[in-house]
Amino acid sequence: MSELSFEQMLEESLKTIRTGEIVTGKVIDVKEDEIVLNIGYKSDGIIPRSEYG
């Protein structure tokens, strides 16, 4: 793997998600008060019950 490829991968992994932005993901856990999603970023997405009630 070249350094440029590694640099590109690093830049892609550091993208910022802004409030209101629509992203896609895969549900990885459903709890009583929230849904946890793998959205392909550094941390998982969480949708609180008040948002999907």
PDB file of N, CA and C in Angstrom:
ATOM      1  N   MET A   1       0.847  -1.175   0.000  1.00  0.00           N
ATOM      2  CA  MET A   1       0.000   0.000   0.000  1.00  0.00           C
ATOM      3  C   MET A   1       0.895   1.242   0.000  1.00  0.00           C
ATOM      4  N   SER A   2       0.604   2.172  -0.873  1.00  0.00           N
ATOM      5  CA  SER A   2       1.420   3.388  -0.933  1.00  0.00           C
ATOM      6  C   SER A   2       1.007   4.356   0.172  1.00  0.00           C
ATOM      7  N   GLU A   3       1.894   5.313   0.460  1.00  0.00           N
ATOM      8  CA  GLU A   3       1.591   6.317   1.485  1.00  0.00           C
ATOM      9  C   GLU A   3       0.376   7.150   1.090  1.00  0.00           C
ATOM     10  N   LEU A   4       0.221   7.426  -0.175  1.00  0.00           N
ATOM     11  CA  LEU A   4      -0.905   8.212  -0.644  1.00  0.00           C
ATOM     12  C   LEU A   4      -2.214   7.484  -0.352  1.00  0.00           C
ATOM     13  N   SER A   5      -2.272   6.196  -0.579  1.00  0.00           N
ATOM     14  CA  SER A   5      -3.473   5.421  -0.297  1.00  0.00           C
ATOM     15  C   SER A   5      -3.789   5.453   1.194  1.00  0.00           C
ATOM     16  N   PHE A   6      -2.772   5.305   2.023  1.00  0.00           N
ATOM     17  CA  PHE A   6      -2.971   5.358   3.467  1.00  0.00           C
ATOM     18  C   PHE A   6      -3.475   6.738   3.879  1.00  0.00           C
ATOM     19  N   GLU A   7      -2.900   7.781   3.304  1.00  0.00           N
ATOM     20  CA  GLU A   7      -3.319   9.151   3.617  1.00  0.00           C
ATOM     21  C   GLU A   7      -4.772   9.374   3.208  1.00  0.00           C
ATOM     22  N   GLN A   8      -5.157   8.878   2.053  1.00  0.00           N
ATOM     23  CA  GLN A   8      -6.536   9.011   1.597  1.00  0.00           C
ATOM     24  C   GLN A   8      -7.491   8.291   2.543  1.00  0.00           C
ATOM     25  N   MET A   9      -7.125   7.092   2.958  1.00  0.00           N
ATOM     26  CA  MET A   9      -7.966   6.321   3.875  1.00  0.00           C
ATOM     27  C   MET A   9      -8.108   7.049   5.211  1.00  0.00           C
ATOM     28  N   LEU A  10      -7.037   7.627   5.688  1.00  0.00           N
ATOM     29  CA  LEU A  10      -7.071   8.368   6.942  1.00  0.00           C
ATOM     30  C   LEU A  10      -7.999   9.574   6.829  1.00  0.00           C
ATOM     31  N   GLU A  11      -7.885  10.324   5.758  1.00  0.00           N
ATOM     32  CA  GLU A  11      -8.748  11.491   5.550  1.00  0.00           C
ATOM     33  C   GLU A  11     -10.222  11.084   5.502  1.00  0.00           C
ATOM     34  N   GLU A  12     -10.535   9.990   4.833  1.00  0.00           N
ATOM     35  CA  GLU A  12     -11.919   9.525   4.747  1.00  0.00           C
ATOM     36  C   GLU A  12     -12.457   9.122   6.112  1.00  0.00           C
ATOM     37  N   SER A  13     -11.607   8.592   6.965  1.00  0.00           N
ATOM     38  CA  SER A  13     -12.059   8.135   8.276  1.00  0.00           C
ATOM     39  C   SER A  13     -12.298   9.284   9.246  1.00  0.00           C
ATOM     40  N   LEU A  14     -11.838  10.484   8.919  1.00  0.00           N
ATOM     41  CA  LEU A  14     -11.966  11.628   9.815  1.00  0.00           C
ATOM     42  C   LEU A  14     -13.070  12.594   9.394  1.00  0.00           C
ATOM     43  N   LYS A  15     -13.988  12.169   8.546  1.00  0.00           N
ATOM     44  CA  LYS A  15     -15.073  13.032   8.104  1.00  0.00           C
ATOM     45  C   LYS A  15     -15.976  13.397   9.273  1.00  0.00           C
ATOM     46  N   THR A  16     -16.487  14.605   9.230  1.00  0.00           N
ATOM     47  CA  THR A  16     -17.364  15.103  10.273  1.00  0.00           C
ATOM     48  C   THR A  16     -18.816  14.998   9.814  1.00  0.00           C
ATOM     49  N   ILE A  17     -19.668  14.533  10.703  1.00  0.00           N
ATOM     50  CA  ILE A  17     -21.099  14.467  10.421  1.00  0.00           C
ATOM     51  C   ILE A  17     -21.734  15.679  11.077  1.00  0.00           C
ATOM     52  N   ARG A  18     -22.536  16.389  10.318  1.00  0.00           N
ATOM     53  CA  ARG A  18     -23.174  17.596  10.830  1.00  0.00           C
ATOM     54  C   ARG A  18     -24.634  17.322  11.197  1.00  0.00           C
ATOM     55  N   THR A  19     -25.159  18.089  12.135  1.00  0.00           N
ATOM     56  CA  THR A  19     -26.549  17.970  12.541  1.00  0.00           C
ATOM     57  C   THR A  19     -27.447  18.141  11.321  1.00  0.00           C
ATOM     58  N   GLY A  20     -28.390  17.230  11.163  1.00  0.00           N
ATOM     59  CA  GLY A  20     -29.324  17.289  10.045  1.00  0.00           C
ATOM     60  C   GLY A  20     -28.874  16.531   8.810  1.00  0.00           C
ATOM     61  N   GLU A  21     -27.623  16.104   8.781  1.00  0.00           N
ATOM     62  CA  GLU A  21     -27.102  15.365   7.635  1.00  0.00           C
ATOM     63  C   GLU A  21     -27.710  13.961   7.627  1.00  0.00           C
ATOM     64  N   ILE A  22     -28.064  13.475   6.458  1.00  0.00           N
ATOM     65  CA  ILE A  22     -28.632  12.133   6.324  1.00  0.00           C
ATOM     66  C   ILE A  22     -27.510  11.165   5.985  1.00  0.00           C
ATOM     67  N   VAL A  23     -27.394  10.102   6.789  1.00  0.00           N
ATOM     68  CA  VAL A  23     -26.392   9.069   6.558  1.00  0.00           C
ATOM     69  C   VAL A  23     -27.098   7.710   6.535  1.00  0.00           C
ATOM     70  N   THR A  24     -26.446   6.721   5.975  1.00  0.00           N
ATOM     71  CA  THR A  24     -27.000   5.373   5.982  1.00  0.00           C
ATOM     72  C   THR A  24     -26.178   4.509   6.931  1.00  0.00           C
ATOM     73  N   GLY A  25     -26.793   3.467   7.429  1.00  0.00           N
ATOM     74  CA  GLY A  25     -26.093   2.589   8.357  1.00  0.00           C
ATOM     75  C   GLY A  25     -26.813   1.272   8.520  1.00  0.00           C
ATOM     76  N   LYS A  26     -26.254   0.433   9.351  1.00  0.00           N
ATOM     77  CA  LYS A  26     -26.809  -0.886   9.629  1.00  0.00           C
ATOM     78  C   LYS A  26     -27.125  -0.961  11.118  1.00  0.00           C
ATOM     79  N   VAL A  27     -28.351  -1.382  11.439  1.00  0.00           N
ATOM     80  CA  VAL A  27     -28.752  -1.514  12.836  1.00  0.00           C
ATOM     81  C   VAL A  27     -27.936  -2.634  13.475  1.00  0.00           C
ATOM     82  N   ILE A  28     -27.253  -2.321  14.585  1.00  0.00           N
ATOM     83  CA  ILE A  28     -26.459  -3.342  15.259  1.00  0.00           C
ATOM     84  C   ILE A  28     -27.009  -3.679  16.643  1.00  0.00           C
ATOM     85  N   ASP A  29     -27.923  -2.841  17.161  1.00  0.00           N
ATOM     86  CA  ASP A  29     -28.515  -3.131  18.464  1.00  0.00           C
ATOM     87  C   ASP A  29     -29.795  -2.318  18.619  1.00  0.00           C
ATOM     88  N   VAL A  30     -30.805  -2.932  19.218  1.00  0.00           N
ATOM     89  CA  VAL A  30     -32.048  -2.242  19.530  1.00  0.00           C
ATOM     90  C   VAL A  30     -32.264  -2.375  21.020  1.00  0.00           C
ATOM     91  N   LYS A  31     -32.339  -1.245  21.692  1.00  0.00           N
ATOM     92  CA  LYS A  31     -32.550  -1.219  23.130  1.00  0.00           C
ATOM     93  C   LYS A  31     -33.908  -0.577  23.403  1.00  0.00           C
ATOM     94  N   GLU A  32     -34.343  -0.629  24.629  1.00  0.00           N
ATOM     95  CA  GLU A  32     -35.648  -0.082  24.978  1.00  0.00           C
ATOM     96  C   GLU A  32     -35.732   1.415  24.674  1.00  0.00           C
ATOM     97  N   ASP A  33     -34.655   2.145  24.868  1.00  0.00           N
ATOM     98  CA  ASP A  33     -34.698   3.594  24.721  1.00  0.00           C
ATOM     99  C   ASP A  33     -33.863   4.153  23.570  1.00  0.00           C
ATOM    100  N   GLU A  34     -33.241   3.279  22.749  1.00  0.00           N
ATOM    101  CA  GLU A  34     -32.436   3.770  21.627  1.00  0.00           C
ATOM    102  C   GLU A  34     -32.132   2.668  20.617  1.00  0.00           C
ATOM    103  N   ILE A  35     -31.744   3.098  19.423  1.00  0.00           N
ATOM    104  CA  ILE A  35     -31.276   2.200  18.372  1.00  0.00           C
ATOM    105  C   ILE A  35     -29.822   2.570  18.098  1.00  0.00           C
ATOM    106  N   VAL A  36     -28.950   1.577  18.000  1.00  0.00           N
ATOM    107  CA  VAL A  36     -27.526   1.804  17.738  1.00  0.00           C
ATOM    108  C   VAL A  36     -27.238   1.364  16.302  1.00  0.00           C
ATOM    109  N   LEU A  37     -26.575   2.235  15.553  1.00  0.00           N
ATOM    110  CA  LEU A  37     -26.287   1.988  14.145  1.00  0.00           C
ATOM    111  C   LEU A  37     -24.798   2.035  13.861  1.00  0.00           C
ATOM    112  N   ASN A  38     -24.329   1.150  12.982  1.00  0.00           N
ATOM    113  CA  ASN A  38     -22.975   1.248  12.446  1.00  0.00           C
ATOM    114  C   ASN A  38     -23.102   2.100  11.199  1.00  0.00           C
ATOM    115  N   ILE A  39     -22.558   3.307  11.253  1.00  0.00           N
ATOM    116  CA  ILE A  39     -22.665   4.228  10.126  1.00  0.00           C
ATOM    117  C   ILE A  39     -21.346   4.373   9.370  1.00  0.00           C
ATOM    118  N   GLY A  40     -20.400   3.497   9.673  1.00  0.00           N
ATOM    119  CA  GLY A  40     -19.136   3.482   8.939  1.00  0.00           C
ATOM    120  C   GLY A  40     -18.159   4.569   9.349  1.00  0.00           C
ATOM    121  N   TYR A  41     -18.359   5.159  10.481  1.00  0.00           N
ATOM    122  CA  TYR A  41     -17.454   6.191  10.975  1.00  0.00           C
ATOM    123  C   TYR A  41     -16.758   5.684  12.227  1.00  0.00           C
ATOM    124  N   LYS A  42     -15.994   6.534  12.866  1.00  0.00           N
ATOM    125  CA  LYS A  42     -15.198   6.153  14.026  1.00  0.00           C
ATOM    126  C   LYS A  42     -16.047   5.613  15.178  1.00  0.00           C
ATOM    127  N   SER A  43     -17.236   6.173  15.370  1.00  0.00           N
ATOM    128  CA  SER A  43     -18.124   5.687  16.428  1.00  0.00           C
ATOM    129  C   SER A  43     -19.491   5.383  15.841  1.00  0.00           C
ATOM    130  N   ASP A  44     -20.294   4.658  16.580  1.00  0.00           N
ATOM    131  CA  ASP A  44     -21.622   4.272  16.123  1.00  0.00           C
ATOM    132  C   ASP A  44     -22.597   5.436  16.244  1.00  0.00           C
ATOM    133  N   GLY A  45     -23.676   5.360  15.471  1.00  0.00           N
ATOM    134  CA  GLY A  45     -24.738   6.346  15.573  1.00  0.00           C
ATOM    135  C   GLY A  45     -25.781   5.848  16.565  1.00  0.00           C
ATOM    136  N   ILE A  46     -26.393   6.766  17.287  1.00  0.00           N
ATOM    137  CA  ILE A  46     -27.431   6.405  18.260  1.00  0.00           C
ATOM    138  C   ILE A  46     -28.657   7.258  17.974  1.00  0.00           C
ATOM    139  N   ILE A  47     -29.806   6.592  17.827  1.00  0.00           N
ATOM    140  CA  ILE A  47     -31.072   7.292  17.657  1.00  0.00           C
ATOM    141  C   ILE A  47     -31.886   7.092  18.919  1.00  0.00           C
ATOM    142  N   PRO A  48     -32.135   8.176  19.679  1.00  0.00           N
ATOM    143  CA  PRO A  48     -32.915   8.037  20.911  1.00  0.00           C
ATOM    144  C   PRO A  48     -34.398   7.783  20.578  1.00  0.00           C
ATOM    145  N   ARG A  49     -35.096   7.155  21.505  1.00  0.00           N
ATOM    146  CA  ARG A  49     -36.505   6.801  21.298  1.00  0.00           C
ATOM    147  C   ARG A  49     -37.341   8.024  20.919  1.00  0.00           C
ATOM    148  N   SER A  50     -37.021   9.165  21.467  1.00  0.00           N
ATOM    149  CA  SER A  50     -37.795  10.376  21.156  1.00  0.00           C
ATOM    150  C   SER A  50     -37.730  10.743  19.681  1.00  0.00           C
ATOM    151  N   GLU A  51     -36.750  10.221  18.947  1.00  0.00           N
ATOM    152  CA  GLU A  51     -36.608  10.530  17.513  1.00  0.00           C
ATOM    153  C   GLU A  51     -37.325   9.552  16.605  1.00  0.00           C
ATOM    154  N   TYR A  52     -37.690   8.384  17.099  1.00  0.00           N
ATOM    155  CA  TYR A  52     -38.344   7.399  16.229  1.00  0.00           C
ATOM    156  C   TYR A  52     -39.677   6.906  16.752  1.00  0.00           C
ATOM    157  N   GLY A  53     -40.125   7.420  17.885  1.00  0.00           N
ATOM    158  CA  GLY A  53     -41.335   7.027  18.599  1.00  0.00           C
ATOM    159  C   GLY A  53     -42.472   6.692  17.765  1.00  0.00           C
TER     160      GLY A  53
END
